[in-house]
Structures are given as C-alpha cells and as structure tokens.
Amino acid sequence: MTNIQDTKTKEQTKPQMDQEALWQKCIAFHGHECGGLLIGFKAALYAIELLGIEFSPDEQLVCISENDACGVDAIQVILGCSVGKGNLLIHIKGKQAYSFYNRSTGKSVRLVLRETTRKDGASKLDYMKDMPPEELFDVKEVKESLPESARIFASYPCSICGEMTAEHMLTLSGDQKICLDCHTPYKRFR
C-alpha cells in the first residue's frame, strides 16, 4: 500500500521527469544543448504556467519572439508555434523576450530575460537550469496587440523576374506587379 508521502513524492518528481524528457526532445530538435535553448525552454514552460496553455496544433497560441536565437527552437517543440503555421512571428529587436497570446482566453504575457550573474563557479547553463522561471524572467504586458490569424494569399508572377509572389508582397508600378526584390523604391524623401 502506498502512503500519502510516497504519492506526493512521485507526483512531485513526475513533472520533473517529463521536463527532462521534453528538454532532451528540444536538444534533439536543436542539435545541441546550450544556454540559448534553455532560455526558450524556460520561457515556454513559464508561459504554460501563466496562461494555462499547452501544445498548439492550430493557431490558438501565438508567440512573438524578439530574436531569432536558439530559444525559438524550444518554443516550437514545446508549444507548437511555427512560422509555417503562422503562430510564430519573429520581430527581431535583439532582446531575449517572448510575447505569448492565447486566442481562446484573450490572455497574453511578455517574458523578458533578466540579467543573470552566477553566484558560484557553476557554468551559466547549469546555473540557469537550477533557476525557476520566475527568477529568470520579468513578466510584463505585451507591447503589441494580438496579431491577426494567418491568411492565405493568391500569388502572381512578378512582371520583371517572373517569380510567383504573394499578392500582399507585390507593388504596383503602372499595370505591372513587381516583387520586392525587383522593386526600386522612390527615395526622394526620407
């Protein structure tokens, strides 16, 4: 017969084992273990806790990452956000910051990595592994409103290079549809 103490111990260790398996899955996807991947891993887990979310097979969960660094891979693995699905947007600002949006509930949160300094001789990776997410991130309100759902656009050939281009990325010059690569912007004004 299992006593209450044993049950609590098992319940407390099970999520940790699940997190370790999830961490290994992130490493396998990313290709190596590193501090940047750990930042995204911890951010994703914290977003789950704060927003009551889980892996998103659709677009109900949205992430705007302010970097294109290693952590984005962990967010893809854990939360199911991806560029192709339209629920992972990269707005490069050079910050270890991630905004998460739950379309179902309307809740959102922006997690910004705090400055981390080791207090002992441990590597930064080992130091951050032991830190709870609430000590790694400042929780802030999102800066941007929830992005609209991804749309599918018609594509047309560029009048200059002939490459098929989504209609919202074409410019018009007279009756010609021109892709951004072939378009020469008017630079008279700054």
N, C-alpha and C. Protein backbone atom coordinates (compact mmCIF):
# COMPACT_ATOMS: atom_id res chain seq x y z
N MET A 1 0.84 -1.18 0.00
CA MET A 1 0.00 0.00 0.00
C MET A 1 0.88 1.24 0.00
N THR A 2 0.53 2.24 -0.81
CA THR A 2 1.31 3.48 -0.92
C THR A 2 0.78 4.49 0.08
N ASN A 3 1.70 5.09 0.84
CA ASN A 3 1.22 6.12 1.76
C ASN A 3 1.20 7.48 1.08
N ILE A 4 0.60 8.44 1.74
CA ILE A 4 0.43 9.78 1.17
C ILE A 4 1.78 10.41 0.84
N GLN A 5 2.76 10.24 1.70
CA GLN A 5 4.08 10.82 1.47
C GLN A 5 4.69 10.27 0.19
N ASP A 6 4.60 8.95 -0.04
CA ASP A 6 5.13 8.36 -1.26
C ASP A 6 4.41 8.90 -2.49
N THR A 7 3.10 9.06 -2.40
CA THR A 7 2.32 9.60 -3.52
C THR A 7 2.76 11.01 -3.85
N LYS A 8 2.94 11.83 -2.82
CA LYS A 8 3.37 13.21 -3.06
C LYS A 8 4.74 13.23 -3.71
N THR A 9 5.65 12.39 -3.24
CA THR A 9 6.99 12.35 -3.80
C THR A 9 6.94 11.97 -5.27
N LYS A 10 6.14 10.95 -5.61
CA LYS A 10 6.00 10.52 -7.00
C LYS A 10 5.40 11.62 -7.86
N GLU A 11 4.37 12.30 -7.34
CA GLU A 11 3.73 13.38 -8.09
C GLU A 11 4.70 14.54 -8.30
N GLN A 12 5.51 14.82 -7.30
CA GLN A 12 6.45 15.93 -7.41
C GLN A 12 7.59 15.61 -8.38
N THR A 13 7.99 14.35 -8.48
CA THR A 13 9.10 14.01 -9.36
C THR A 13 8.64 13.75 -10.79
N LYS A 14 7.39 13.35 -11.00
CA LYS A 14 6.92 13.04 -12.35
C LYS A 14 7.04 14.23 -13.29
N PRO A 15 6.53 15.44 -12.91
CA PRO A 15 6.69 16.57 -13.83
C PRO A 15 8.16 16.86 -14.16
N GLN A 16 9.05 16.65 -13.18
CA GLN A 16 10.46 16.88 -13.43
C GLN A 16 10.97 15.90 -14.48
N MET A 17 10.54 14.64 -14.41
CA MET A 17 10.96 13.66 -15.41
C MET A 17 10.39 14.03 -16.77
N ASP A 18 9.14 14.48 -16.80
CA ASP A 18 8.55 14.92 -18.05
C ASP A 18 9.33 16.11 -18.61
N GLN A 19 9.72 17.03 -17.75
CA GLN A 19 10.51 18.17 -18.20
C GLN A 19 11.86 17.73 -18.75
N GLU A 20 12.47 16.75 -18.13
CA GLU A 20 13.76 16.25 -18.62
C GLU A 20 13.59 15.62 -20.00
N ALA A 21 12.52 14.86 -20.18
CA ALA A 21 12.26 14.26 -21.50
C ALA A 21 11.99 15.34 -22.53
N LEU A 22 11.26 16.36 -22.12
CA LEU A 22 10.97 17.48 -23.02
C LEU A 22 12.26 18.24 -23.36
N TRP A 23 13.12 18.42 -22.37
CA TRP A 23 14.41 19.08 -22.59
C TRP A 23 15.24 18.29 -23.61
N GLN A 24 15.25 16.97 -23.46
CA GLN A 24 16.00 16.13 -24.39
C GLN A 24 15.41 16.21 -25.80
N LYS A 25 14.10 16.33 -25.90
CA LYS A 25 13.44 16.49 -27.20
C LYS A 25 13.85 17.82 -27.84
N CYS A 26 13.95 18.87 -27.03
CA CYS A 26 14.39 20.18 -27.53
C CYS A 26 15.84 20.12 -28.03
N ILE A 27 16.69 19.44 -27.27
CA ILE A 27 18.10 19.29 -27.66
C ILE A 27 18.19 18.54 -28.99
N ALA A 28 17.41 17.46 -29.11
CA ALA A 28 17.44 16.67 -30.35
C ALA A 28 16.99 17.52 -31.54
N PHE A 29 15.97 18.33 -31.36
CA PHE A 29 15.48 19.18 -32.45
C PHE A 29 16.51 20.25 -32.81
N HIS A 30 17.09 20.88 -31.79
CA HIS A 30 18.03 21.99 -31.99
C HIS A 30 19.40 21.52 -32.46
N GLY A 31 19.82 20.34 -31.99
CA GLY A 31 21.12 19.81 -32.40
C GLY A 31 22.18 19.83 -31.32
N HIS A 32 22.00 20.62 -30.29
CA HIS A 32 22.95 20.64 -29.18
C HIS A 32 22.31 21.34 -27.98
N GLU A 33 22.92 21.14 -26.84
CA GLU A 33 22.48 21.78 -25.60
C GLU A 33 23.22 23.11 -25.45
N CYS A 34 22.47 24.17 -25.16
CA CYS A 34 23.11 25.47 -24.96
C CYS A 34 22.22 26.37 -24.12
N GLY A 35 22.80 27.45 -23.63
CA GLY A 35 22.08 28.40 -22.80
C GLY A 35 20.91 29.06 -23.52
N GLY A 36 21.09 29.36 -24.79
CA GLY A 36 20.01 29.99 -25.55
C GLY A 36 18.80 29.09 -25.66
N LEU A 37 19.02 27.81 -25.90
CA LEU A 37 17.92 26.85 -25.97
C LEU A 37 17.22 26.78 -24.62
N LEU A 38 18.01 26.80 -23.55
CA LEU A 38 17.44 26.74 -22.20
C LEU A 38 16.55 27.95 -21.92
N ILE A 39 16.92 29.11 -22.42
CA ILE A 39 16.11 30.31 -22.21
C ILE A 39 14.72 30.11 -22.83
N GLY A 40 14.67 29.64 -24.05
CA GLY A 40 13.39 29.38 -24.70
C GLY A 40 12.61 28.28 -24.00
N PHE A 41 13.31 27.26 -23.54
CA PHE A 41 12.70 26.15 -22.80
C PHE A 41 12.00 26.67 -21.55
N LYS A 42 12.74 27.46 -20.77
CA LYS A 42 12.17 28.00 -19.53
C LYS A 42 11.04 28.99 -19.83
N ALA A 43 11.17 29.78 -20.89
CA ALA A 43 10.11 30.73 -21.26
C ALA A 43 8.84 29.98 -21.65
N ALA A 44 8.98 28.91 -22.43
CA ALA A 44 7.81 28.13 -22.84
C ALA A 44 7.11 27.51 -21.64
N LEU A 45 7.87 26.94 -20.72
CA LEU A 45 7.29 26.33 -19.53
C LEU A 45 6.59 27.38 -18.66
N TYR A 46 7.20 28.55 -18.57
CA TYR A 46 6.60 29.62 -17.77
C TYR A 46 5.32 30.13 -18.42
N ALA A 47 5.30 30.22 -19.74
CA ALA A 47 4.09 30.64 -20.46
C ALA A 47 2.97 29.63 -20.23
N ILE A 48 3.30 28.35 -20.22
CA ILE A 48 2.30 27.31 -19.92
C ILE A 48 1.69 27.56 -18.55
N GLU A 49 2.55 27.84 -17.59
CA GLU A 49 2.10 28.07 -16.22
C GLU A 49 1.24 29.33 -16.11
N LEU A 50 1.68 30.41 -16.73
CA LEU A 50 0.99 31.70 -16.59
C LEU A 50 -0.31 31.78 -17.38
N LEU A 51 -0.35 31.16 -18.53
CA LEU A 51 -1.52 31.29 -19.41
C LEU A 51 -2.41 30.04 -19.45
N GLY A 52 -1.98 28.98 -18.81
CA GLY A 52 -2.77 27.76 -18.83
C GLY A 52 -2.89 27.18 -20.23
N ILE A 53 -1.79 27.18 -20.96
CA ILE A 53 -1.78 26.73 -22.35
C ILE A 53 -1.08 25.39 -22.47
N GLU A 54 -1.16 24.81 -23.63
CA GLU A 54 -0.43 23.58 -23.93
C GLU A 54 -0.06 23.61 -25.40
N PHE A 55 0.51 22.53 -25.89
CA PHE A 55 0.94 22.44 -27.28
C PHE A 55 -0.21 22.85 -28.19
N SER A 56 0.09 23.68 -29.18
CA SER A 56 -0.94 24.23 -30.07
C SER A 56 -0.89 23.56 -31.44
N PRO A 57 -1.84 22.67 -31.72
CA PRO A 57 -1.87 22.05 -33.04
C PRO A 57 -2.42 22.99 -34.11
N ASP A 58 -2.95 24.12 -33.67
CA ASP A 58 -3.51 25.11 -34.60
C ASP A 58 -2.90 26.48 -34.29
N GLU A 59 -3.66 27.52 -34.42
CA GLU A 59 -3.15 28.88 -34.20
C GLU A 59 -3.70 29.53 -32.94
N GLN A 60 -4.24 28.72 -32.01
CA GLN A 60 -4.82 29.30 -30.80
C GLN A 60 -3.77 29.94 -29.91
N LEU A 61 -2.57 29.47 -29.98
CA LEU A 61 -1.46 30.04 -29.23
C LEU A 61 -0.54 30.74 -30.22
N VAL A 62 -0.14 31.96 -29.89
CA VAL A 62 0.75 32.73 -30.75
C VAL A 62 1.95 33.18 -29.93
N CYS A 63 3.13 33.14 -30.54
CA CYS A 63 4.34 33.66 -29.90
C CYS A 63 4.97 34.67 -30.84
N ILE A 64 5.31 35.83 -30.29
CA ILE A 64 6.15 36.79 -31.00
C ILE A 64 7.49 36.79 -30.28
N SER A 65 8.52 36.36 -30.99
CA SER A 65 9.88 36.35 -30.44
C SER A 65 10.60 37.60 -30.90
N GLU A 66 11.33 38.22 -30.00
CA GLU A 66 12.08 39.42 -30.33
C GLU A 66 13.52 39.10 -30.72
N ASN A 67 13.75 37.82 -31.05
CA ASN A 67 15.07 37.38 -31.51
C ASN A 67 14.88 36.16 -32.40
N ASP A 68 15.93 35.82 -33.11
CA ASP A 68 15.91 34.60 -33.93
C ASP A 68 16.97 33.64 -33.43
N ALA A 69 17.14 33.59 -32.11
CA ALA A 69 18.19 32.80 -31.49
C ALA A 69 17.69 31.40 -31.12
N CYS A 70 18.54 30.66 -30.47
CA CYS A 70 18.32 29.25 -30.15
C CYS A 70 17.02 28.97 -29.41
N GLY A 71 16.61 29.85 -28.52
CA GLY A 71 15.43 29.63 -27.71
C GLY A 71 14.16 29.42 -28.50
N VAL A 72 14.11 29.97 -29.71
CA VAL A 72 12.92 29.83 -30.54
C VAL A 72 12.67 28.35 -30.87
N ASP A 73 13.72 27.57 -30.98
CA ASP A 73 13.55 26.14 -31.26
C ASP A 73 12.81 25.43 -30.13
N ALA A 74 13.10 25.77 -28.90
CA ALA A 74 12.41 25.15 -27.76
C ALA A 74 10.94 25.54 -27.76
N ILE A 75 10.64 26.76 -28.12
CA ILE A 75 9.24 27.21 -28.18
C ILE A 75 8.47 26.43 -29.24
N GLN A 76 9.13 26.15 -30.36
CA GLN A 76 8.48 25.35 -31.40
C GLN A 76 8.17 23.94 -30.89
N VAL A 77 9.15 23.32 -30.24
CA VAL A 77 8.99 21.94 -29.77
C VAL A 77 7.93 21.85 -28.68
N ILE A 78 7.98 22.73 -27.71
CA ILE A 78 7.11 22.63 -26.53
C ILE A 78 5.71 23.15 -26.80
N LEU A 79 5.61 24.26 -27.53
CA LEU A 79 4.31 24.92 -27.69
C LEU A 79 3.66 24.73 -29.05
N GLY A 80 4.39 24.23 -30.01
CA GLY A 80 3.81 24.02 -31.33
C GLY A 80 3.66 25.29 -32.15
N CYS A 81 4.36 26.33 -31.76
CA CYS A 81 4.35 27.56 -32.54
C CYS A 81 5.35 27.39 -33.69
N SER A 82 4.95 27.76 -34.89
CA SER A 82 5.87 27.67 -36.01
C SER A 82 5.58 28.76 -37.02
N VAL A 83 6.61 29.13 -37.76
CA VAL A 83 6.48 30.16 -38.78
C VAL A 83 5.51 29.69 -39.86
N GLY A 84 5.62 28.44 -40.27
CA GLY A 84 4.77 27.91 -41.32
C GLY A 84 3.30 27.89 -40.96
N LYS A 85 3.01 27.64 -39.70
CA LYS A 85 1.62 27.61 -39.24
C LYS A 85 1.08 29.02 -39.02
N GLY A 86 1.99 29.98 -38.92
CA GLY A 86 1.58 31.38 -38.76
C GLY A 86 1.39 31.81 -37.32
N ASN A 87 1.78 30.97 -36.36
CA ASN A 87 1.64 31.38 -34.97
C ASN A 87 2.98 31.60 -34.26
N LEU A 88 4.03 31.71 -35.05
CA LEU A 88 5.34 32.14 -34.53
C LEU A 88 5.82 33.27 -35.42
N LEU A 89 5.91 34.43 -34.83
CA LEU A 89 6.36 35.62 -35.56
C LEU A 89 7.68 36.07 -34.96
N ILE A 90 8.60 36.44 -35.81
CA ILE A 90 9.92 36.89 -35.38
C ILE A 90 10.01 38.39 -35.66
N HIS A 91 10.07 39.18 -34.61
CA HIS A 91 10.25 40.62 -34.72
C HIS A 91 11.59 40.93 -34.07
N ILE A 92 12.65 40.90 -34.85
CA ILE A 92 13.99 41.00 -34.29
C ILE A 92 14.26 42.37 -33.69
N LYS A 93 14.51 42.34 -32.39
CA LYS A 93 14.85 43.55 -31.63
C LYS A 93 16.10 43.33 -30.79
N GLY A 94 16.69 42.12 -30.91
CA GLY A 94 17.90 41.82 -30.17
C GLY A 94 17.68 41.57 -28.69
N LYS A 95 16.46 41.24 -28.30
CA LYS A 95 16.15 41.00 -26.89
C LYS A 95 15.73 39.56 -26.69
N GLN A 96 16.09 39.01 -25.54
CA GLN A 96 15.59 37.68 -25.16
C GLN A 96 14.22 37.92 -24.52
N ALA A 97 13.26 38.19 -25.39
CA ALA A 97 11.90 38.50 -24.94
C ALA A 97 10.91 37.77 -25.85
N TYR A 98 9.87 37.26 -25.23
CA TYR A 98 8.86 36.49 -25.95
C TYR A 98 7.49 36.91 -25.46
N SER A 99 6.60 37.23 -26.39
CA SER A 99 5.21 37.52 -26.06
C SER A 99 4.37 36.32 -26.47
N PHE A 100 3.53 35.89 -25.55
CA PHE A 100 2.66 34.74 -25.79
C PHE A 100 1.21 35.19 -25.70
N TYR A 101 0.39 34.71 -26.62
CA TYR A 101 -1.02 35.09 -26.68
C TYR A 101 -1.87 33.83 -26.76
N ASN A 102 -2.93 33.79 -25.98
CA ASN A 102 -3.88 32.69 -26.03
C ASN A 102 -5.15 33.24 -26.68
N ARG A 103 -5.40 32.88 -27.93
CA ARG A 103 -6.59 33.39 -28.64
C ARG A 103 -7.88 32.97 -27.95
N SER A 104 -7.91 31.79 -27.35
CA SER A 104 -9.13 31.27 -26.73
C SER A 104 -9.57 32.09 -25.53
N THR A 105 -8.61 32.53 -24.72
CA THR A 105 -8.95 33.25 -23.49
C THR A 105 -8.71 34.75 -23.59
N GLY A 106 -7.92 35.17 -24.57
CA GLY A 106 -7.56 36.58 -24.68
C GLY A 106 -6.41 36.97 -23.76
N LYS A 107 -5.87 36.02 -23.01
CA LYS A 107 -4.76 36.32 -22.10
C LYS A 107 -3.46 36.39 -22.88
N SER A 108 -2.56 37.23 -22.39
CA SER A 108 -1.24 37.36 -23.01
C SER A 108 -0.22 37.74 -21.96
N VAL A 109 1.05 37.49 -22.28
CA VAL A 109 2.13 37.83 -21.36
C VAL A 109 3.41 38.01 -22.18
N ARG A 110 4.25 38.93 -21.73
CA ARG A 110 5.57 39.13 -22.34
C ARG A 110 6.61 38.75 -21.29
N LEU A 111 7.48 37.82 -21.65
CA LEU A 111 8.54 37.38 -20.75
C LEU A 111 9.86 37.93 -21.25
N VAL A 112 10.56 38.65 -20.37
CA VAL A 112 11.82 39.29 -20.73
C VAL A 112 12.91 38.74 -19.81
N LEU A 113 13.95 38.19 -20.41
CA LEU A 113 15.04 37.61 -19.62
C LEU A 113 15.73 38.70 -18.80
N ARG A 114 15.90 38.40 -17.53
CA ARG A 114 16.65 39.30 -16.64
C ARG A 114 18.15 39.07 -16.83
N GLU A 115 18.92 40.01 -16.40
CA GLU A 115 20.37 39.82 -16.39
C GLU A 115 20.68 38.72 -15.38
N THR A 116 21.46 37.75 -15.81
CA THR A 116 21.79 36.64 -14.92
C THR A 116 23.28 36.66 -14.63
N THR A 117 23.60 36.57 -13.37
CA THR A 117 25.00 36.51 -12.95
C THR A 117 25.17 35.30 -12.03
N ARG A 118 26.17 34.51 -12.31
CA ARG A 118 26.43 33.33 -11.47
C ARG A 118 26.94 33.79 -10.11
N LYS A 119 26.51 33.04 -9.11
CA LYS A 119 26.94 33.36 -7.76
C LYS A 119 28.05 32.42 -7.29
N ASP A 120 28.36 31.43 -8.12
CA ASP A 120 29.41 30.48 -7.77
C ASP A 120 30.17 30.10 -9.03
N GLY A 121 30.91 29.05 -8.99
CA GLY A 121 31.72 28.65 -10.13
C GLY A 121 30.97 27.83 -11.17
N ALA A 122 29.68 27.64 -11.00
CA ALA A 122 28.91 26.84 -11.96
C ALA A 122 28.87 27.52 -13.32
N SER A 123 28.73 26.71 -14.36
CA SER A 123 28.58 27.29 -15.68
C SER A 123 27.25 28.02 -15.74
N LYS A 124 27.14 28.96 -16.65
CA LYS A 124 25.89 29.71 -16.77
C LYS A 124 24.73 28.79 -17.11
N LEU A 125 24.98 27.78 -17.93
CA LEU A 125 23.94 26.82 -18.28
C LEU A 125 23.44 26.08 -17.04
N ASP A 126 24.37 25.55 -16.24
CA ASP A 126 23.98 24.83 -15.02
C ASP A 126 23.28 25.77 -14.04
N TYR A 127 23.75 26.98 -13.96
CA TYR A 127 23.15 27.96 -13.06
C TYR A 127 21.71 28.24 -13.47
N MET A 128 21.48 28.45 -14.77
CA MET A 128 20.14 28.75 -15.24
C MET A 128 19.23 27.53 -15.16
N LYS A 129 19.77 26.33 -15.33
CA LYS A 129 18.95 25.12 -15.22
C LYS A 129 18.29 25.03 -13.86
N ASP A 130 19.02 25.44 -12.84
CA ASP A 130 18.52 25.35 -11.46
C ASP A 130 17.59 26.49 -11.08
N MET A 131 17.54 27.54 -11.88
CA MET A 131 16.71 28.70 -11.53
C MET A 131 15.26 28.48 -11.97
N PRO A 132 14.33 28.81 -11.09
CA PRO A 132 12.93 28.75 -11.51
C PRO A 132 12.66 29.89 -12.50
N PRO A 133 11.71 29.69 -13.42
CA PRO A 133 11.45 30.71 -14.44
C PRO A 133 11.13 32.09 -13.87
N GLU A 134 10.44 32.13 -12.74
CA GLU A 134 10.09 33.43 -12.16
C GLU A 134 11.32 34.24 -11.72
N GLU A 135 12.46 33.57 -11.56
CA GLU A 135 13.69 34.28 -11.24
C GLU A 135 14.47 34.66 -12.50
N LEU A 136 14.17 34.01 -13.62
CA LEU A 136 14.85 34.30 -14.88
C LEU A 136 14.20 35.41 -15.68
N PHE A 137 12.87 35.52 -15.56
CA PHE A 137 12.13 36.44 -16.43
C PHE A 137 11.34 37.48 -15.67
N ASP A 138 11.29 38.66 -16.24
CA ASP A 138 10.33 39.67 -15.80
C ASP A 138 9.06 39.42 -16.59
N VAL A 139 7.94 39.46 -15.91
CA VAL A 139 6.64 39.28 -16.56
C VAL A 139 6.06 40.66 -16.81
N LYS A 140 5.81 40.95 -18.08
CA LYS A 140 5.32 42.27 -18.46
C LYS A 140 4.09 42.15 -19.35
N GLU A 141 3.43 43.26 -19.55
CA GLU A 141 2.33 43.28 -20.51
C GLU A 141 2.92 43.30 -21.90
N VAL A 142 2.20 42.68 -22.83
CA VAL A 142 2.68 42.65 -24.21
C VAL A 142 2.69 44.06 -24.78
N LYS A 143 3.62 44.30 -25.71
CA LYS A 143 3.74 45.60 -26.36
C LYS A 143 2.87 45.69 -27.60
N GLU A 144 2.64 44.55 -28.22
CA GLU A 144 1.89 44.51 -29.48
C GLU A 144 0.57 43.80 -29.26
N SER A 145 -0.45 44.23 -29.98
CA SER A 145 -1.73 43.56 -29.88
C SER A 145 -1.64 42.20 -30.57
N LEU A 146 -2.60 41.35 -30.25
CA LEU A 146 -2.64 40.01 -30.82
C LEU A 146 -2.67 40.10 -32.34
N PRO A 147 -1.71 39.46 -33.01
CA PRO A 147 -1.70 39.50 -34.47
C PRO A 147 -2.93 38.80 -35.04
N GLU A 148 -3.37 39.24 -36.20
CA GLU A 148 -4.49 38.57 -36.84
C GLU A 148 -4.08 37.15 -37.22
N SER A 149 -5.06 36.32 -37.42
CA SER A 149 -4.77 34.95 -37.84
C SER A 149 -4.10 34.97 -39.20
N ALA A 150 -3.32 33.93 -39.46
CA ALA A 150 -2.62 33.83 -40.74
C ALA A 150 -3.64 33.74 -41.87
N ARG A 151 -3.32 34.36 -42.99
CA ARG A 151 -4.19 34.33 -44.17
C ARG A 151 -3.46 33.66 -45.32
N ILE A 152 -4.22 33.16 -46.25
CA ILE A 152 -3.65 32.59 -47.46
C ILE A 152 -3.90 33.60 -48.58
N PHE A 153 -2.84 33.98 -49.27
CA PHE A 153 -2.93 34.98 -50.33
C PHE A 153 -2.72 34.33 -51.69
N ALA A 154 -3.35 34.92 -52.68
CA ALA A 154 -3.10 34.50 -54.06
C ALA A 154 -1.69 34.94 -54.44
N SER A 155 -1.07 34.23 -55.36
CA SER A 155 0.26 34.59 -55.85
C SER A 155 0.18 34.93 -57.33
N TYR A 156 1.03 35.86 -57.73
CA TYR A 156 1.10 36.32 -59.12
C TYR A 156 2.55 36.40 -59.53
N PRO A 157 2.85 36.23 -60.81
CA PRO A 157 4.24 36.36 -61.26
C PRO A 157 4.67 37.82 -61.27
N CYS A 158 5.88 38.05 -60.84
CA CYS A 158 6.46 39.39 -60.91
C CYS A 158 6.63 39.74 -62.40
N SER A 159 6.28 40.95 -62.75
CA SER A 159 6.38 41.39 -64.15
C SER A 159 7.82 41.47 -64.63
N ILE A 160 8.78 41.51 -63.70
CA ILE A 160 10.18 41.64 -64.10
C ILE A 160 10.90 40.28 -64.08
N CYS A 161 10.90 39.59 -62.92
CA CYS A 161 11.65 38.33 -62.80
C CYS A 161 10.80 37.10 -63.07
N GLY A 162 9.49 37.23 -63.04
CA GLY A 162 8.60 36.12 -63.30
C GLY A 162 8.35 35.19 -62.12
N GLU A 163 8.98 35.45 -60.99
CA GLU A 163 8.81 34.57 -59.83
C GLU A 163 7.46 34.82 -59.17
N MET A 164 6.80 33.72 -58.79
CA MET A 164 5.50 33.81 -58.13
C MET A 164 5.67 34.47 -56.76
N THR A 165 4.81 35.45 -56.49
CA THR A 165 4.92 36.24 -55.27
C THR A 165 3.53 36.44 -54.68
N ALA A 166 3.41 36.30 -53.36
CA ALA A 166 2.13 36.53 -52.69
C ALA A 166 1.67 37.96 -52.95
N GLU A 167 0.38 38.09 -53.22
CA GLU A 167 -0.16 39.38 -53.64
C GLU A 167 0.13 40.52 -52.67
N HIS A 168 0.16 40.25 -51.38
CA HIS A 168 0.38 41.33 -50.42
C HIS A 168 1.85 41.78 -50.38
N MET A 169 2.71 41.07 -51.10
CA MET A 169 4.13 41.45 -51.14
C MET A 169 4.53 42.02 -52.50
N LEU A 170 3.56 42.28 -53.34
CA LEU A 170 3.81 42.90 -54.64
C LEU A 170 3.55 44.40 -54.57
N THR A 171 4.28 45.14 -55.36
CA THR A 171 3.99 46.56 -55.51
C THR A 171 3.47 46.78 -56.94
N LEU A 172 2.72 47.82 -57.12
CA LEU A 172 2.21 48.15 -58.45
C LEU A 172 3.00 49.31 -59.03
N SER A 173 3.36 49.17 -60.26
CA SER A 173 4.02 50.25 -60.99
C SER A 173 3.32 50.29 -62.35
N GLY A 174 2.41 51.24 -62.48
CA GLY A 174 1.56 51.26 -63.67
C GLY A 174 0.68 50.03 -63.61
N ASP A 175 0.72 49.22 -64.65
CA ASP A 175 -0.07 47.98 -64.66
C ASP A 175 0.80 46.76 -64.35
N GLN A 176 2.02 46.99 -63.90
CA GLN A 176 2.93 45.89 -63.59
C GLN A 176 2.91 45.55 -62.10
N LYS A 177 2.91 44.26 -61.82
CA LYS A 177 3.04 43.76 -60.45
C LYS A 177 4.50 43.39 -60.26
N ILE A 178 5.14 44.04 -59.27
CA ILE A 178 6.59 43.87 -59.10
C ILE A 178 6.89 43.37 -57.68
N CYS A 179 7.73 42.32 -57.60
CA CYS A 179 8.12 41.79 -56.29
C CYS A 179 9.06 42.77 -55.59
N LEU A 180 9.25 42.54 -54.30
CA LEU A 180 10.10 43.45 -53.52
C LEU A 180 11.56 43.41 -53.96
N ASP A 181 12.01 42.26 -54.48
CA ASP A 181 13.40 42.16 -54.95
C ASP A 181 13.62 43.03 -56.18
N CYS A 182 12.63 43.12 -57.05
CA CYS A 182 12.78 43.87 -58.30
C CYS A 182 12.33 45.33 -58.17
N HIS A 183 11.59 45.63 -57.14
CA HIS A 183 11.05 46.97 -56.94
C HIS A 183 12.17 47.96 -56.58
N THR A 184 12.18 49.09 -57.24
CA THR A 184 13.10 50.17 -56.90
C THR A 184 12.31 51.24 -56.16
N PRO A 185 12.56 51.38 -54.87
CA PRO A 185 11.77 52.36 -54.11
C PRO A 185 12.09 53.79 -54.52
N TYR A 186 11.11 54.63 -54.36
CA TYR A 186 11.26 56.06 -54.62
C TYR A 186 11.96 56.66 -53.42
N LYS A 187 13.18 57.18 -53.60
CA LYS A 187 13.98 57.62 -52.46
C LYS A 187 14.17 59.12 -52.37
N ARG A 188 13.31 59.85 -52.99
CA ARG A 188 13.47 61.30 -52.95
C ARG A 188 13.25 61.83 -51.53
N PHE A 189 12.37 61.20 -50.81
CA PHE A 189 12.10 61.64 -49.44
C PHE A 189 12.62 60.59 -48.47
N ARG A 190 13.01 61.04 -47.30
CA ARG A 190 13.50 60.09 -46.28
C ARG A 190 12.53 59.97 -45.17
